[in-house]
Amino acid sequence: MILVLESEKLSDGTVKAYFNYRCPICGFKLEVERIEITRSGEAISIKKTFTPPPSQQH
């Protein structure tokens, strides 16, 4: 699995960044973190979402 950063800027000025683990062989993608930045006048809103990894059983 490799860590990949994807980002996009929307027409309203919102910026979104996604951190994903991706398998280079099969293309499976697991979202780890999402950050969304929005401007409203002079205020900036930052929304961060973290997805914990699936538990590993031994």
PDB file of N, CA and C in Angstrom:
ATOM      1  N   MET A   1       0.852  -1.171   0.000  1.00  0.00           N
ATOM      2  CA  MET A   1       0.000   0.000   0.000  1.00  0.00           C
ATOM      3  C   MET A   1       0.902   1.240   0.000  1.00  0.00           C
ATOM      4  N   ILE A   2       0.515   2.220  -0.802  1.00  0.00           N
ATOM      5  CA  ILE A   2       1.246   3.484  -0.840  1.00  0.00           C
ATOM      6  C   ILE A   2       0.305   4.603  -0.391  1.00  0.00           C
ATOM      7  N   LEU A   3       0.867   5.621   0.228  1.00  0.00           N
ATOM      8  CA  LEU A   3       0.084   6.765   0.686  1.00  0.00           C
ATOM      9  C   LEU A   3       0.000   7.782  -0.444  1.00  0.00           C
ATOM     10  N   VAL A   4      -1.229   8.197  -0.774  1.00  0.00           N
ATOM     11  CA  VAL A   4      -1.463   9.109  -1.894  1.00  0.00           C
ATOM     12  C   VAL A   4      -2.216  10.336  -1.395  1.00  0.00           C
ATOM     13  N   LEU A   5      -1.815  11.510  -1.837  1.00  0.00           N
ATOM     14  CA  LEU A   5      -2.519  12.755  -1.541  1.00  0.00           C
ATOM     15  C   LEU A   5      -3.235  13.201  -2.805  1.00  0.00           C
ATOM     16  N   GLU A   6      -4.539  13.403  -2.696  1.00  0.00           N
ATOM     17  CA  GLU A   6      -5.331  13.939  -3.801  1.00  0.00           C
ATOM     18  C   GLU A   6      -5.968  15.224  -3.307  1.00  0.00           C
ATOM     19  N   SER A   7      -6.035  16.232  -4.152  1.00  0.00           N
ATOM     20  CA  SER A   7      -6.649  17.491  -3.740  1.00  0.00           C
ATOM     21  C   SER A   7      -7.487  18.052  -4.878  1.00  0.00           C
ATOM     22  N   GLU A   8      -8.430  18.897  -4.501  1.00  0.00           N
ATOM     23  CA  GLU A   8      -9.266  19.564  -5.495  1.00  0.00           C
ATOM     24  C   GLU A   8      -9.674  20.929  -4.968  1.00  0.00           C
ATOM     25  N   LYS A   9      -9.843  21.866  -5.884  1.00  0.00           N
ATOM     26  CA  LYS A   9     -10.318  23.203  -5.539  1.00  0.00           C
ATOM     27  C   LYS A   9     -11.637  23.417  -6.266  1.00  0.00           C
ATOM     28  N   LEU A  10     -12.690  23.673  -5.502  1.00  0.00           N
ATOM     29  CA  LEU A  10     -14.017  23.839  -6.072  1.00  0.00           C
ATOM     30  C   LEU A  10     -14.238  25.276  -6.526  1.00  0.00           C
ATOM     31  N   SER A  11     -15.263  25.501  -7.321  1.00  0.00           N
ATOM     32  CA  SER A  11     -15.529  26.824  -7.881  1.00  0.00           C
ATOM     33  C   SER A  11     -15.877  27.857  -6.813  1.00  0.00           C
ATOM     34  N   ASP A  12     -16.363  27.417  -5.642  1.00  0.00           N
ATOM     35  CA  ASP A  12     -16.687  28.362  -4.568  1.00  0.00           C
ATOM     36  C   ASP A  12     -15.479  28.689  -3.694  1.00  0.00           C
ATOM     37  N   GLY A  13     -14.283  28.185  -4.059  1.00  0.00           N
ATOM     38  CA  GLY A  13     -13.067  28.469  -3.309  1.00  0.00           C
ATOM     39  C   GLY A  13     -12.732  27.427  -2.264  1.00  0.00           C
ATOM     40  N   THR A  14     -13.609  26.458  -2.052  1.00  0.00           N
ATOM     41  CA  THR A  14     -13.346  25.392  -1.090  1.00  0.00           C
ATOM     42  C   THR A  14     -12.210  24.516  -1.598  1.00  0.00           C
ATOM     43  N   VAL A  15     -11.300  24.153  -0.689  1.00  0.00           N
ATOM     44  CA  VAL A  15     -10.193  23.266  -1.025  1.00  0.00           C
ATOM     45  C   VAL A  15     -10.365  21.979  -0.230  1.00  0.00           C
ATOM     46  N   LYS A  16     -10.260  20.847  -0.915  1.00  0.00           N
ATOM     47  CA  LYS A  16     -10.375  19.549  -0.261  1.00  0.00           C
ATOM     48  C   LYS A  16      -9.109  18.751  -0.528  1.00  0.00           C
ATOM     49  N   ALA A  17      -8.608  18.091   0.516  1.00  0.00           N
ATOM     50  CA  ALA A  17      -7.442  17.223   0.386  1.00  0.00           C
ATOM     51  C   ALA A  17      -7.788  15.873   0.990  1.00  0.00           C
ATOM     52  N   TYR A  18      -7.422  14.818   0.288  1.00  0.00           N
ATOM     53  CA  TYR A  18      -7.706  13.458   0.729  1.00  0.00           C
ATOM     54  C   TYR A  18      -6.392  12.692   0.830  1.00  0.00           C
ATOM     55  N   PHE A  19      -6.183  12.031   1.955  1.00  0.00           N
ATOM     56  CA  PHE A  19      -5.040  11.149   2.129  1.00  0.00           C
ATOM     57  C   PHE A  19      -5.572   9.720   2.092  1.00  0.00           C
ATOM     58  N   ASN A  20      -5.084   8.942   1.132  1.00  0.00           N
ATOM     59  CA  ASN A  20      -5.564   7.577   0.939  1.00  0.00           C
ATOM     60  C   ASN A  20      -4.392   6.612   0.882  1.00  0.00           C
ATOM     61  N   TYR A  21      -4.619   5.400   1.364  1.00  0.00           N
ATOM     62  CA  TYR A  21      -3.707   4.303   1.077  1.00  0.00           C
ATOM     63  C   TYR A  21      -4.267   3.608  -0.151  1.00  0.00           C
ATOM     64  N   ARG A  22      -3.403   3.341  -1.124  1.00  0.00           N
ATOM     65  CA  ARG A  22      -3.849   2.704  -2.355  1.00  0.00           C
ATOM     66  C   ARG A  22      -2.937   1.537  -2.686  1.00  0.00           C
ATOM     67  N   CYS A  23      -3.548   0.436  -3.070  1.00  0.00           N
ATOM     68  CA  CYS A  23      -2.791  -0.738  -3.500  1.00  0.00           C
ATOM     69  C   CYS A  23      -2.411  -0.553  -4.970  1.00  0.00           C
ATOM     70  N   PRO A  24      -1.109  -0.567  -5.293  1.00  0.00           N
ATOM     71  CA  PRO A  24      -0.703  -0.368  -6.686  1.00  0.00           C
ATOM     72  C   PRO A  24      -1.055  -1.554  -7.587  1.00  0.00           C
ATOM     73  N   ILE A  25      -1.368  -2.697  -7.000  1.00  0.00           N
ATOM     74  CA  ILE A  25      -1.665  -3.885  -7.800  1.00  0.00           C
ATOM     75  C   ILE A  25      -3.140  -3.945  -8.187  1.00  0.00           C
ATOM     76  N   CYS A  26      -4.024  -3.845  -7.171  1.00  0.00           N
ATOM     77  CA  CYS A  26      -5.454  -4.015  -7.462  1.00  0.00           C
ATOM     78  C   CYS A  26      -6.230  -2.699  -7.487  1.00  0.00           C
ATOM     79  N   GLY A  27      -5.622  -1.593  -7.011  1.00  0.00           N
ATOM     80  CA  GLY A  27      -6.297  -0.298  -7.027  1.00  0.00           C
ATOM     81  C   GLY A  27      -7.202  -0.038  -5.836  1.00  0.00           C
ATOM     82  N   PHE A  28      -7.245  -0.966  -4.860  1.00  0.00           N
ATOM     83  CA  PHE A  28      -8.064  -0.763  -3.666  1.00  0.00           C
ATOM     84  C   PHE A  28      -7.618   0.510  -2.965  1.00  0.00           C
ATOM     85  N   LYS A  29      -8.591   1.314  -2.523  1.00  0.00           N
ATOM     86  CA  LYS A  29      -8.286   2.595  -1.892  1.00  0.00           C
ATOM     87  C   LYS A  29      -8.947   2.661  -0.521  1.00  0.00           C
ATOM     88  N   LEU A  30      -8.203   3.106   0.486  1.00  0.00           N
ATOM     89  CA  LEU A  30      -8.700   3.260   1.844  1.00  0.00           C
ATOM     90  C   LEU A  30      -8.440   4.698   2.277  1.00  0.00           C
ATOM     91  N   GLU A  31      -9.514   5.470   2.491  1.00  0.00           N
ATOM     92  CA  GLU A  31      -9.358   6.869   2.897  1.00  0.00           C
ATOM     93  C   GLU A  31      -8.920   6.929   4.353  1.00  0.00           C
ATOM     94  N   VAL A  32      -7.850   7.685   4.622  1.00  0.00           N
ATOM     95  CA  VAL A  32      -7.315   7.819   5.967  1.00  0.00           C
ATOM     96  C   VAL A  32      -7.729   9.151   6.576  1.00  0.00           C
ATOM     97  N   GLU A  33      -7.623  10.215   5.798  1.00  0.00           N
ATOM     98  CA  GLU A  33      -7.901  11.550   6.328  1.00  0.00           C
ATOM     99  C   GLU A  33      -8.434  12.442   5.216  1.00  0.00           C
ATOM    100  N   ARG A  34      -9.343  13.344   5.602  1.00  0.00           N
ATOM    101  CA  ARG A  34      -9.909  14.314   4.663  1.00  0.00           C
ATOM    102  C   ARG A  34      -9.858  15.680   5.339  1.00  0.00           C
ATOM    103  N   ILE A  35      -9.376  16.682   4.624  1.00  0.00           N
ATOM    104  CA  ILE A  35      -9.317  18.053   5.134  1.00  0.00           C
ATOM    105  C   ILE A  35     -10.055  18.946   4.143  1.00  0.00           C
ATOM    106  N   GLU A  36     -10.965  19.768   4.674  1.00  0.00           N
ATOM    107  CA  GLU A  36     -11.750  20.675   3.835  1.00  0.00           C
ATOM    108  C   GLU A  36     -11.602  22.090   4.392  1.00  0.00           C
ATOM    109  N   ILE A  37     -11.163  23.013   3.560  1.00  0.00           N
ATOM    110  CA  ILE A  37     -10.958  24.404   3.965  1.00  0.00           C
ATOM    111  C   ILE A  37     -11.912  25.285   3.170  1.00  0.00           C
ATOM    112  N   THR A  38     -12.714  26.076   3.898  1.00  0.00           N
ATOM    113  CA  THR A  38     -13.706  26.950   3.284  1.00  0.00           C
ATOM    114  C   THR A  38     -13.512  28.367   3.794  1.00  0.00           C
ATOM    115  N   ARG A  39     -13.597  29.340   2.896  1.00  0.00           N
ATOM    116  CA  ARG A  39     -13.528  30.755   3.286  1.00  0.00           C
ATOM    117  C   ARG A  39     -14.915  31.359   3.208  1.00  0.00           C
ATOM    118  N   SER A  40     -15.232  32.171   4.215  1.00  0.00           N
ATOM    119  CA  SER A  40     -16.513  32.869   4.243  1.00  0.00           C
ATOM    120  C   SER A  40     -16.243  34.275   4.758  1.00  0.00           C
ATOM    121  N   GLY A  41     -16.140  35.225   3.852  1.00  0.00           N
ATOM    122  CA  GLY A  41     -15.783  36.585   4.257  1.00  0.00           C
ATOM    123  C   GLY A  41     -14.359  36.595   4.779  1.00  0.00           C
ATOM    124  N   GLU A  42     -14.187  36.986   6.037  1.00  0.00           N
ATOM    125  CA  GLU A  42     -12.862  36.994   6.653  1.00  0.00           C
ATOM    126  C   GLU A  42     -12.621  35.773   7.519  1.00  0.00           C
ATOM    127  N   ALA A  43     -13.592  34.867   7.590  1.00  0.00           N
ATOM    128  CA  ALA A  43     -13.459  33.659   8.408  1.00  0.00           C
ATOM    129  C   ALA A  43     -12.997  32.482   7.548  1.00  0.00           C
ATOM    130  N   ILE A  44     -12.213  31.614   8.158  1.00  0.00           N
ATOM    131  CA  ILE A  44     -11.767  30.390   7.508  1.00  0.00           C
ATOM    132  C   ILE A  44     -12.248  29.218   8.348  1.00  0.00           C
ATOM    133  N   SER A  45     -12.867  28.250   7.693  1.00  0.00           N
ATOM    134  CA  SER A  45     -13.359  27.052   8.364  1.00  0.00           C
ATOM    135  C   SER A  45     -12.522  25.858   7.910  1.00  0.00           C
ATOM    136  N   ILE A  46     -11.994  25.097   8.877  1.00  0.00           N
ATOM    137  CA  ILE A  46     -11.205  23.909   8.571  1.00  0.00           C
ATOM    138  C   ILE A  46     -11.910  22.705   9.174  1.00  0.00           C
ATOM    139  N   LYS A  47     -12.248  21.762   8.330  1.00  0.00           N
ATOM    140  CA  LYS A  47     -12.929  20.546   8.773  1.00  0.00           C
ATOM    141  C   LYS A  47     -12.004  19.367   8.481  1.00  0.00           C
ATOM    142  N   LYS A  48     -11.675  18.614   9.527  1.00  0.00           N
ATOM    143  CA  LYS A  48     -10.752  17.494   9.386  1.00  0.00           C
ATOM    144  C   LYS A  48     -11.469  16.215   9.800  1.00  0.00           C
ATOM    145  N   THR A  49     -11.438  15.209   8.941  1.00  0.00           N
ATOM    146  CA  THR A  49     -12.061  13.924   9.220  1.00  0.00           C
ATOM    147  C   THR A  49     -10.986  12.851   9.154  1.00  0.00           C
ATOM    148  N   PHE A  50     -10.896  12.065  10.209  1.00  0.00           N
ATOM    149  CA  PHE A  50      -9.901  11.002  10.291  1.00  0.00           C
ATOM    150  C   PHE A  50     -10.618   9.665  10.372  1.00  0.00           C
ATOM    151  N   THR A  51     -10.201   8.715   9.555  1.00  0.00           N
ATOM    152  CA  THR A  51     -10.763   7.373   9.584  1.00  0.00           C
ATOM    153  C   THR A  51      -9.721   6.434  10.177  1.00  0.00           C
ATOM    154  N   PRO A  52     -10.002   5.866  11.352  1.00  0.00           N
ATOM    155  CA  PRO A  52      -9.019   4.949  11.940  1.00  0.00           C
ATOM    156  C   PRO A  52      -8.869   3.700  11.072  1.00  0.00           C
ATOM    157  N   PRO A  53      -7.670   3.140  11.043  1.00  0.00           N
ATOM    158  CA  PRO A  53      -7.465   1.934  10.239  1.00  0.00           C
ATOM    159  C   PRO A  53      -8.275   0.776  10.809  1.00  0.00           C
ATOM    160  N   PRO A  54      -8.637  -0.181   9.965  1.00  0.00           N
ATOM    161  CA  PRO A  54      -9.371  -1.336  10.480  1.00  0.00           C
ATOM    162  C   PRO A  54      -8.513  -2.097  11.480  1.00  0.00           C
ATOM    163  N   SER A  55      -9.161  -2.639  12.500  1.00  0.00           N
ATOM    164  CA  SER A  55      -8.404  -3.367  13.522  1.00  0.00           C
ATOM    165  C   SER A  55      -7.815  -4.630  12.910  1.00  0.00           C
ATOM    166  N   GLN A  56      -6.615  -4.931  13.347  1.00  0.00           N
ATOM    167  CA  GLN A  56      -5.939  -6.123  12.851  1.00  0.00           C
ATOM    168  C   GLN A  56      -5.970  -7.176  13.941  1.00  0.00           C
ATOM    169  N   GLN A  57      -6.471  -8.337  13.612  1.00  0.00           N
ATOM    170  CA  GLN A  57      -6.527  -9.431  14.570  1.00  0.00           C
ATOM    171  C   GLN A  57      -5.322 -10.328  14.356  1.00  0.00           C
ATOM    172  N   HIS A  58      -4.713 -10.729  15.453  1.00  0.00           N
ATOM    173  CA  HIS A  58      -3.522 -11.599  15.365  1.00  0.00           C
ATOM    174  C   HIS A  58      -3.884 -12.987  15.812  1.00  0.00           C
TER     175      HIS A  58
END
